[in-house]
Amino acid sequence: MRLRTRTAVTVAACAALTLGGAAAAAAAAAPALADYGPGNIYQVEISSNLGGPQGGGAWLWLALAPNEGTTSSGTGDYAGSDCGHGFGAAADLGDVTWTKAGDTLTIQGVILNGFGGLPVTITVHSAYGHYSTDIVSVFPTLGPVLGLPAGAGFSQVQVAP
């Protein structure tokens, strides 16, 4: 009888812990929202790669806030890294400016340190969502500098609120 009582108490304690943990998990499972600073309206993540011995890549995260009184231009910051194959990865970090024209965000001020401090312009869709494209579409100023034809490489882009 004593063993049965001890087992019942143990089962009840485990059930309470499990239910308490489930309740805490449910409370913590609210929709994922991130506050990257007051007023940011775009968060852009880019993963761009070009294969082969002369290839490389860039992996960037940008947070963009509008200028006061508008949603078509503003400032922001970025962090990430880039590399040219054979040169190793380099950290990238800084401030940007951006504009929105039609369905395109144009971001200026990004410096790719793995390419010797190369300033690049970034263009992405302004609509929230994920899409795949080529490197030159995302980094139009990189194509001429590196001799990349349209359609070269591969980019994954995520634009989020």
N, C-alpha and C. Protein backbone atom coordinates (compact mmCIF):
# COMPACT_ATOMS: atom_id res chain seq x y z
N MET A 1 0.83 -1.20 0.00
CA MET A 1 0.00 0.00 0.00
C MET A 1 0.87 1.26 0.00
N ARG A 2 1.92 1.23 0.80
CA ARG A 2 2.80 2.38 0.89
C ARG A 2 3.48 2.64 -0.46
N LEU A 3 3.90 1.58 -1.18
CA LEU A 3 4.52 1.70 -2.49
C LEU A 3 3.51 2.27 -3.50
N ARG A 4 2.27 1.84 -3.42
CA ARG A 4 1.24 2.32 -4.32
C ARG A 4 0.99 3.82 -4.09
N THR A 5 0.98 4.27 -2.84
CA THR A 5 0.79 5.68 -2.52
C THR A 5 1.96 6.50 -3.04
N ARG A 6 3.18 6.00 -2.83
CA ARG A 6 4.38 6.70 -3.30
C ARG A 6 4.36 6.80 -4.83
N THR A 7 3.95 5.74 -5.51
CA THR A 7 3.86 5.75 -6.97
C THR A 7 2.82 6.75 -7.44
N ALA A 8 1.69 6.79 -6.78
CA ALA A 8 0.63 7.72 -7.15
C ALA A 8 1.09 9.17 -6.97
N VAL A 9 1.81 9.45 -5.89
CA VAL A 9 2.33 10.80 -5.64
C VAL A 9 3.35 11.16 -6.72
N THR A 10 4.22 10.22 -7.07
CA THR A 10 5.23 10.46 -8.10
C THR A 10 4.58 10.73 -9.45
N VAL A 11 3.59 9.93 -9.81
CA VAL A 11 2.87 10.13 -11.07
C VAL A 11 2.17 11.49 -11.07
N ALA A 12 1.54 11.85 -9.98
CA ALA A 12 0.86 13.15 -9.89
C ALA A 12 1.85 14.30 -10.02
N ALA A 13 3.01 14.17 -9.39
CA ALA A 13 4.04 15.23 -9.47
C ALA A 13 4.55 15.36 -10.91
N CYS A 14 4.80 14.23 -11.56
CA CYS A 14 5.27 14.26 -12.94
C CYS A 14 4.22 14.87 -13.86
N ALA A 15 2.96 14.54 -13.63
CA ALA A 15 1.88 15.08 -14.45
C ALA A 15 1.79 16.60 -14.26
N ALA A 16 1.92 17.05 -13.02
CA ALA A 16 1.86 18.49 -12.74
C ALA A 16 3.02 19.21 -13.42
N LEU A 17 4.21 18.64 -13.35
CA LEU A 17 5.36 19.25 -14.01
C LEU A 17 5.18 19.28 -15.52
N THR A 18 4.67 18.17 -16.07
CA THR A 18 4.45 18.10 -17.52
C THR A 18 3.41 19.13 -17.95
N LEU A 19 2.30 19.21 -17.25
CA LEU A 19 1.26 20.17 -17.60
C LEU A 19 1.74 21.60 -17.40
N GLY A 20 2.49 21.82 -16.34
CA GLY A 20 3.05 23.16 -16.11
C GLY A 20 4.01 23.54 -17.21
N GLY A 21 4.84 22.59 -17.61
CA GLY A 21 5.78 22.84 -18.71
C GLY A 21 5.06 23.08 -20.01
N ALA A 22 3.98 22.33 -20.27
CA ALA A 22 3.20 22.52 -21.49
C ALA A 22 2.55 23.90 -21.49
N ALA A 23 2.03 24.32 -20.34
CA ALA A 23 1.42 25.65 -20.25
C ALA A 23 2.45 26.74 -20.49
N ALA A 24 3.64 26.57 -19.91
CA ALA A 24 4.70 27.56 -20.13
C ALA A 24 5.13 27.58 -21.59
N ALA A 25 5.23 26.42 -22.21
CA ALA A 25 5.61 26.35 -23.61
C ALA A 25 4.54 26.99 -24.49
N ALA A 26 3.28 26.77 -24.16
CA ALA A 26 2.19 27.36 -24.94
C ALA A 26 2.22 28.88 -24.82
N ALA A 27 2.50 29.37 -23.62
CA ALA A 27 2.58 30.81 -23.43
C ALA A 27 3.76 31.39 -24.20
N ALA A 28 4.86 30.64 -24.25
CA ALA A 28 6.06 31.12 -24.94
C ALA A 28 5.93 30.96 -26.45
N ALA A 29 4.96 30.19 -26.93
CA ALA A 29 4.84 29.91 -28.35
C ALA A 29 3.97 30.94 -29.07
N ALA A 30 3.92 32.13 -28.55
CA ALA A 30 3.19 33.21 -29.21
C ALA A 30 3.85 33.48 -30.56
N PRO A 31 3.18 34.17 -31.47
CA PRO A 31 3.78 34.46 -32.77
C PRO A 31 5.15 35.12 -32.61
N ALA A 32 6.07 34.72 -33.46
CA ALA A 32 7.42 35.26 -33.40
C ALA A 32 7.43 36.68 -33.92
N LEU A 33 7.82 37.60 -33.10
CA LEU A 33 7.97 38.99 -33.48
C LEU A 33 9.35 39.45 -33.01
N ALA A 34 9.99 40.26 -33.80
CA ALA A 34 11.31 40.75 -33.41
C ALA A 34 11.29 42.27 -33.47
N ASP A 35 11.86 42.88 -32.49
CA ASP A 35 11.96 44.33 -32.47
C ASP A 35 13.42 44.70 -32.65
N TYR A 36 13.77 45.07 -33.86
CA TYR A 36 15.16 45.40 -34.16
C TYR A 36 15.40 46.89 -34.04
N GLY A 37 14.58 47.56 -33.30
CA GLY A 37 14.73 48.98 -33.09
C GLY A 37 13.41 49.66 -33.37
N PRO A 38 13.23 50.84 -32.81
CA PRO A 38 11.97 51.53 -33.01
C PRO A 38 11.76 51.92 -34.47
N GLY A 39 10.63 51.49 -35.01
CA GLY A 39 10.25 51.93 -36.34
C GLY A 39 10.80 51.17 -37.52
N ASN A 40 11.60 50.14 -37.33
CA ASN A 40 12.09 49.40 -38.49
C ASN A 40 10.91 48.77 -39.23
N ILE A 41 10.88 48.94 -40.56
CA ILE A 41 9.79 48.37 -41.33
C ILE A 41 10.24 47.26 -42.27
N TYR A 42 11.54 47.13 -42.47
CA TYR A 42 12.07 46.04 -43.29
C TYR A 42 13.23 45.39 -42.57
N GLN A 43 13.27 44.10 -42.71
CA GLN A 43 14.40 43.30 -42.27
C GLN A 43 14.73 42.44 -43.50
N VAL A 44 15.95 42.52 -43.98
CA VAL A 44 16.33 41.83 -45.20
C VAL A 44 17.48 40.88 -44.90
N GLU A 45 17.31 39.63 -45.29
CA GLU A 45 18.38 38.65 -45.15
C GLU A 45 18.75 38.17 -46.55
N ILE A 46 20.06 38.10 -46.81
CA ILE A 46 20.56 37.71 -48.13
C ILE A 46 21.63 36.65 -47.96
N SER A 47 21.53 35.60 -48.74
CA SER A 47 22.58 34.60 -48.85
C SER A 47 22.87 34.43 -50.34
N SER A 48 24.04 34.91 -50.79
CA SER A 48 24.40 34.86 -52.20
C SER A 48 25.69 34.07 -52.36
N ASN A 49 25.71 33.19 -53.37
CA ASN A 49 26.87 32.33 -53.58
C ASN A 49 27.17 32.16 -55.06
N LEU A 50 28.46 32.08 -55.35
CA LEU A 50 28.94 31.81 -56.70
C LEU A 50 29.96 30.69 -56.57
N GLY A 51 29.68 29.54 -57.18
CA GLY A 51 30.55 28.38 -57.06
C GLY A 51 31.81 28.49 -57.91
N GLY A 52 32.67 27.52 -57.75
CA GLY A 52 33.89 27.44 -58.56
C GLY A 52 35.09 28.06 -57.88
N PRO A 53 36.27 27.85 -58.46
CA PRO A 53 37.51 28.34 -57.84
C PRO A 53 37.59 29.86 -57.74
N GLN A 54 36.89 30.57 -58.59
CA GLN A 54 36.88 32.04 -58.54
C GLN A 54 35.63 32.57 -57.85
N GLY A 55 34.85 31.68 -57.26
CA GLY A 55 33.58 32.07 -56.66
C GLY A 55 33.75 32.68 -55.28
N GLY A 56 32.64 32.82 -54.61
CA GLY A 56 32.61 33.39 -53.27
C GLY A 56 31.18 33.59 -52.85
N GLY A 57 30.98 34.41 -51.84
CA GLY A 57 29.62 34.63 -51.38
C GLY A 57 29.51 35.79 -50.42
N ALA A 58 28.27 36.17 -50.15
CA ALA A 58 27.96 37.22 -49.19
C ALA A 58 26.72 36.79 -48.42
N TRP A 59 26.75 37.00 -47.11
CA TRP A 59 25.65 36.63 -46.23
C TRP A 59 25.39 37.82 -45.34
N LEU A 60 24.27 38.51 -45.57
CA LEU A 60 24.00 39.78 -44.90
C LEU A 60 22.62 39.81 -44.27
N TRP A 61 22.51 40.56 -43.18
CA TRP A 61 21.25 40.87 -42.53
C TRP A 61 21.18 42.39 -42.42
N LEU A 62 20.06 42.98 -42.83
CA LEU A 62 19.89 44.44 -42.80
C LEU A 62 18.59 44.79 -42.10
N ALA A 63 18.60 45.80 -41.26
CA ALA A 63 17.40 46.34 -40.62
C ALA A 63 17.21 47.76 -41.13
N LEU A 64 16.03 48.04 -41.67
CA LEU A 64 15.77 49.32 -42.33
C LEU A 64 14.62 50.06 -41.66
N ALA A 65 14.86 51.31 -41.31
CA ALA A 65 13.86 52.17 -40.68
C ALA A 65 13.56 53.34 -41.62
N PRO A 66 12.31 53.79 -41.66
CA PRO A 66 11.97 54.90 -42.55
C PRO A 66 12.39 56.25 -41.96
N ASN A 67 12.61 57.21 -42.86
CA ASN A 67 12.79 58.59 -42.42
C ASN A 67 11.45 59.08 -41.88
N GLU A 68 11.49 60.05 -41.01
CA GLU A 68 10.26 60.56 -40.41
C GLU A 68 9.30 61.07 -41.48
N GLY A 69 8.05 60.63 -41.40
CA GLY A 69 7.01 61.10 -42.30
C GLY A 69 6.94 60.38 -43.65
N THR A 70 7.73 59.33 -43.85
CA THR A 70 7.70 58.60 -45.13
C THR A 70 7.96 57.11 -44.90
N THR A 71 7.55 56.32 -45.86
CA THR A 71 7.90 54.89 -45.84
C THR A 71 8.65 54.52 -47.12
N SER A 72 9.15 55.54 -47.84
CA SER A 72 9.83 55.26 -49.11
C SER A 72 11.32 55.55 -49.08
N SER A 73 11.85 55.91 -47.91
CA SER A 73 13.30 56.10 -47.79
C SER A 73 13.66 56.08 -46.31
N GLY A 74 14.93 55.83 -46.05
CA GLY A 74 15.35 55.81 -44.67
C GLY A 74 16.79 55.39 -44.50
N THR A 75 17.07 54.96 -43.28
CA THR A 75 18.41 54.53 -42.90
C THR A 75 18.32 53.15 -42.27
N GLY A 76 19.45 52.58 -42.01
CA GLY A 76 19.47 51.27 -41.38
C GLY A 76 20.88 50.84 -41.06
N ASP A 77 20.99 49.58 -40.68
CA ASP A 77 22.31 49.02 -40.43
C ASP A 77 22.36 47.59 -40.95
N TYR A 78 23.58 47.08 -41.07
CA TYR A 78 23.74 45.73 -41.59
C TYR A 78 24.88 45.04 -40.87
N ALA A 79 24.83 43.72 -40.92
CA ALA A 79 25.90 42.88 -40.38
C ALA A 79 25.94 41.61 -41.22
N GLY A 80 27.08 41.01 -41.29
CA GLY A 80 27.22 39.76 -42.03
C GLY A 80 28.67 39.48 -42.34
N SER A 81 28.87 38.73 -43.41
CA SER A 81 30.23 38.42 -43.85
C SER A 81 30.21 38.12 -45.33
N ASP A 82 31.40 38.15 -45.93
CA ASP A 82 31.54 37.78 -47.33
C ASP A 82 32.92 37.19 -47.53
N CYS A 83 33.09 36.51 -48.65
CA CYS A 83 34.40 35.95 -48.96
C CYS A 83 34.53 35.72 -50.45
N GLY A 84 35.75 35.82 -50.90
CA GLY A 84 36.11 35.36 -52.24
C GLY A 84 36.86 34.06 -52.03
N HIS A 85 36.55 33.03 -52.79
CA HIS A 85 37.23 31.75 -52.58
C HIS A 85 38.73 31.95 -52.64
N GLY A 86 39.40 31.41 -51.66
CA GLY A 86 40.85 31.55 -51.58
C GLY A 86 41.29 32.72 -50.72
N PHE A 87 40.36 33.60 -50.34
CA PHE A 87 40.72 34.77 -49.54
C PHE A 87 40.23 34.69 -48.11
N GLY A 88 39.33 33.76 -47.79
CA GLY A 88 38.78 33.66 -46.45
C GLY A 88 37.64 34.62 -46.24
N ALA A 89 36.93 34.42 -45.15
CA ALA A 89 35.77 35.25 -44.83
C ALA A 89 36.18 36.53 -44.13
N ALA A 90 35.40 37.58 -44.34
CA ALA A 90 35.62 38.87 -43.69
C ALA A 90 34.29 39.36 -43.13
N ALA A 91 34.35 39.98 -41.97
CA ALA A 91 33.14 40.53 -41.34
C ALA A 91 32.73 41.82 -42.04
N ASP A 92 31.42 42.01 -42.14
CA ASP A 92 30.84 43.22 -42.72
C ASP A 92 29.87 43.81 -41.71
N LEU A 93 29.93 45.13 -41.51
CA LEU A 93 29.11 45.78 -40.50
C LEU A 93 29.09 47.27 -40.80
N GLY A 94 27.91 47.89 -40.75
CA GLY A 94 27.87 49.33 -40.98
C GLY A 94 26.47 49.87 -41.10
N ASP A 95 26.40 51.12 -41.57
CA ASP A 95 25.16 51.85 -41.73
C ASP A 95 24.82 51.97 -43.22
N VAL A 96 23.53 52.03 -43.52
CA VAL A 96 23.07 52.13 -44.90
C VAL A 96 22.00 53.20 -45.04
N THR A 97 21.74 53.57 -46.28
CA THR A 97 20.57 54.35 -46.63
C THR A 97 19.78 53.52 -47.64
N TRP A 98 18.48 53.79 -47.73
CA TRP A 98 17.66 53.01 -48.65
C TRP A 98 16.54 53.87 -49.21
N THR A 99 16.06 53.46 -50.38
CA THR A 99 14.90 54.07 -51.00
C THR A 99 14.01 52.96 -51.55
N LYS A 100 12.74 53.30 -51.68
CA LYS A 100 11.77 52.39 -52.29
C LYS A 100 11.17 53.09 -53.50
N ALA A 101 11.27 52.44 -54.65
CA ALA A 101 10.65 52.95 -55.87
C ALA A 101 9.89 51.79 -56.50
N GLY A 102 8.57 51.94 -56.62
CA GLY A 102 7.76 50.84 -57.13
C GLY A 102 7.85 49.66 -56.18
N ASP A 103 8.23 48.51 -56.71
CA ASP A 103 8.32 47.31 -55.86
C ASP A 103 9.77 46.95 -55.53
N THR A 104 10.68 47.93 -55.60
CA THR A 104 12.10 47.66 -55.37
C THR A 104 12.67 48.51 -54.24
N LEU A 105 13.40 47.86 -53.34
CA LEU A 105 14.20 48.55 -52.35
C LEU A 105 15.63 48.63 -52.89
N THR A 106 16.21 49.81 -52.87
CA THR A 106 17.60 50.00 -53.25
C THR A 106 18.36 50.43 -52.00
N ILE A 107 19.38 49.65 -51.65
CA ILE A 107 20.12 49.87 -50.41
C ILE A 107 21.55 50.22 -50.77
N GLN A 108 22.03 51.34 -50.20
CA GLN A 108 23.40 51.78 -50.47
C GLN A 108 24.16 51.94 -49.17
N GLY A 109 25.47 51.75 -49.24
CA GLY A 109 26.32 51.91 -48.07
C GLY A 109 26.93 50.61 -47.59
N VAL A 110 26.58 49.47 -48.21
CA VAL A 110 27.15 48.18 -47.80
C VAL A 110 28.56 48.07 -48.38
N ILE A 111 29.49 47.65 -47.54
CA ILE A 111 30.89 47.44 -47.93
C ILE A 111 31.21 45.96 -47.76
N LEU A 112 31.67 45.31 -48.84
CA LEU A 112 32.08 43.91 -48.78
C LEU A 112 33.58 43.87 -48.52
N ASN A 113 33.95 43.63 -47.27
CA ASN A 113 35.35 43.66 -46.86
C ASN A 113 36.17 42.50 -47.41
N GLY A 114 35.53 41.37 -47.69
CA GLY A 114 36.24 40.23 -48.26
C GLY A 114 36.67 40.48 -49.70
N PHE A 115 36.11 41.52 -50.31
CA PHE A 115 36.49 41.92 -51.66
C PHE A 115 37.30 43.22 -51.61
N GLY A 116 38.05 43.40 -50.54
CA GLY A 116 38.93 44.56 -50.41
C GLY A 116 38.23 45.85 -50.06
N GLY A 117 37.07 45.80 -49.40
CA GLY A 117 36.34 47.02 -49.05
C GLY A 117 35.52 47.55 -50.20
N LEU A 118 34.94 46.66 -50.98
CA LEU A 118 34.17 47.03 -52.17
C LEU A 118 32.78 47.52 -51.80
N PRO A 119 32.45 48.79 -52.14
CA PRO A 119 31.09 49.28 -51.89
C PRO A 119 30.14 48.68 -52.93
N VAL A 120 28.97 48.22 -52.49
CA VAL A 120 27.99 47.64 -53.41
C VAL A 120 26.62 48.24 -53.16
N THR A 121 25.82 48.23 -54.20
CA THR A 121 24.40 48.57 -54.10
C THR A 121 23.63 47.26 -54.08
N ILE A 122 22.59 47.22 -53.26
CA ILE A 122 21.72 46.04 -53.17
C ILE A 122 20.33 46.43 -53.64
N THR A 123 19.73 45.57 -54.47
CA THR A 123 18.33 45.77 -54.86
C THR A 123 17.56 44.49 -54.56
N VAL A 124 16.42 44.65 -53.86
CA VAL A 124 15.56 43.52 -53.52
C VAL A 124 14.10 43.96 -53.68
N HIS A 125 13.20 42.99 -53.74
CA HIS A 125 11.77 43.30 -53.79
C HIS A 125 11.35 43.95 -52.47
N SER A 126 10.43 44.89 -52.54
CA SER A 126 9.94 45.53 -51.32
C SER A 126 8.81 44.73 -50.66
N ALA A 127 8.21 43.80 -51.37
CA ALA A 127 7.14 42.97 -50.80
C ALA A 127 7.74 41.98 -49.82
N TYR A 128 7.07 41.79 -48.70
CA TYR A 128 7.52 40.81 -47.73
C TYR A 128 7.43 39.41 -48.32
N GLY A 129 8.44 38.61 -48.06
CA GLY A 129 8.43 37.24 -48.53
C GLY A 129 9.83 36.75 -48.85
N HIS A 130 9.89 35.53 -49.35
CA HIS A 130 11.15 34.87 -49.69
C HIS A 130 11.19 34.63 -51.20
N TYR A 131 12.35 34.84 -51.80
CA TYR A 131 12.48 34.51 -53.21
C TYR A 131 13.93 34.15 -53.53
N SER A 132 14.10 33.50 -54.66
CA SER A 132 15.42 33.10 -55.15
C SER A 132 15.70 33.85 -56.45
N THR A 133 16.94 34.25 -56.62
CA THR A 133 17.34 34.96 -57.83
C THR A 133 18.84 34.78 -58.02
N ASP A 134 19.42 35.53 -58.92
CA ASP A 134 20.87 35.45 -59.15
C ASP A 134 21.59 36.57 -58.38
N ILE A 135 22.91 36.47 -58.32
CA ILE A 135 23.71 37.46 -57.57
C ILE A 135 23.62 38.85 -58.18
N VAL A 136 23.70 38.93 -59.50
CA VAL A 136 23.73 40.24 -60.16
C VAL A 136 22.42 41.00 -59.96
N SER A 137 21.30 40.29 -59.82
CA SER A 137 20.03 40.97 -59.55
C SER A 137 20.03 41.62 -58.16
N VAL A 138 20.68 40.97 -57.20
CA VAL A 138 20.73 41.50 -55.83
C VAL A 138 21.85 42.52 -55.67
N PHE A 139 22.99 42.27 -56.30
CA PHE A 139 24.16 43.16 -56.24
C PHE A 139 24.49 43.66 -57.64
N PRO A 140 23.69 44.59 -58.21
CA PRO A 140 23.91 44.99 -59.60
C PRO A 140 25.27 45.65 -59.85
N THR A 141 25.86 46.27 -58.85
CA THR A 141 27.17 46.90 -59.06
C THR A 141 28.31 45.89 -58.97
N LEU A 142 28.04 44.71 -58.46
CA LEU A 142 29.07 43.67 -58.34
C LEU A 142 29.37 43.02 -59.68
N GLY A 143 28.35 42.87 -60.52
CA GLY A 143 28.52 42.23 -61.82
C GLY A 143 29.62 42.84 -62.67
N PRO A 144 29.56 44.14 -62.94
CA PRO A 144 30.59 44.75 -63.78
C PRO A 144 31.99 44.70 -63.16
N VAL A 145 32.07 44.86 -61.84
CA VAL A 145 33.38 44.86 -61.17
C VAL A 145 34.05 43.49 -61.28
N LEU A 146 33.25 42.43 -61.09
CA LEU A 146 33.80 41.07 -61.12
C LEU A 146 33.65 40.38 -62.47
N GLY A 147 33.05 41.07 -63.43
CA GLY A 147 32.86 40.48 -64.74
C GLY A 147 31.82 39.38 -64.75
N LEU A 148 30.80 39.51 -63.90
CA LEU A 148 29.75 38.50 -63.82
C LEU A 148 28.63 38.82 -64.81
N PRO A 149 28.23 37.84 -65.60
CA PRO A 149 27.10 38.07 -66.51
C PRO A 149 25.78 38.03 -65.74
N ALA A 150 24.74 38.61 -66.34
CA ALA A 150 23.40 38.51 -65.75
C ALA A 150 23.06 37.04 -65.56
N GLY A 151 22.43 36.71 -64.45
CA GLY A 151 22.05 35.33 -64.16
C GLY A 151 23.11 34.52 -63.44
N ALA A 152 24.28 35.10 -63.16
CA ALA A 152 25.36 34.37 -62.50
C ALA A 152 25.05 34.15 -61.02
N GLY A 153 25.45 33.01 -60.52
CA GLY A 153 25.33 32.73 -59.09
C GLY A 153 23.91 32.48 -58.64
N PHE A 154 23.76 32.47 -57.33
CA PHE A 154 22.48 32.11 -56.72
C PHE A 154 22.30 32.93 -55.46
N SER A 155 21.13 33.51 -55.28
CA SER A 155 20.82 34.29 -54.08
C SER A 155 19.48 33.86 -53.49
N GLN A 156 19.44 33.75 -52.18
CA GLN A 156 18.21 33.57 -51.42
C GLN A 156 17.96 34.89 -50.68
N VAL A 157 16.78 35.42 -50.81
CA VAL A 157 16.45 36.71 -50.19
C VAL A 157 15.18 36.56 -49.38
N GLN A 158 15.20 37.10 -48.16
CA GLN A 158 14.02 37.14 -47.30
C GLN A 158 13.79 38.59 -46.92
N VAL A 159 12.60 39.10 -47.18
CA VAL A 159 12.21 40.45 -46.79
C VAL A 159 11.07 40.28 -45.79
N ALA A 160 11.27 40.81 -44.59
CA ALA A 160 10.28 40.62 -43.52
C ALA A 160 10.01 41.96 -42.84
N PRO A 161 8.87 42.02 -42.11
CA PRO A 161 8.56 43.25 -41.37
C PRO A 161 9.46 43.40 -40.17
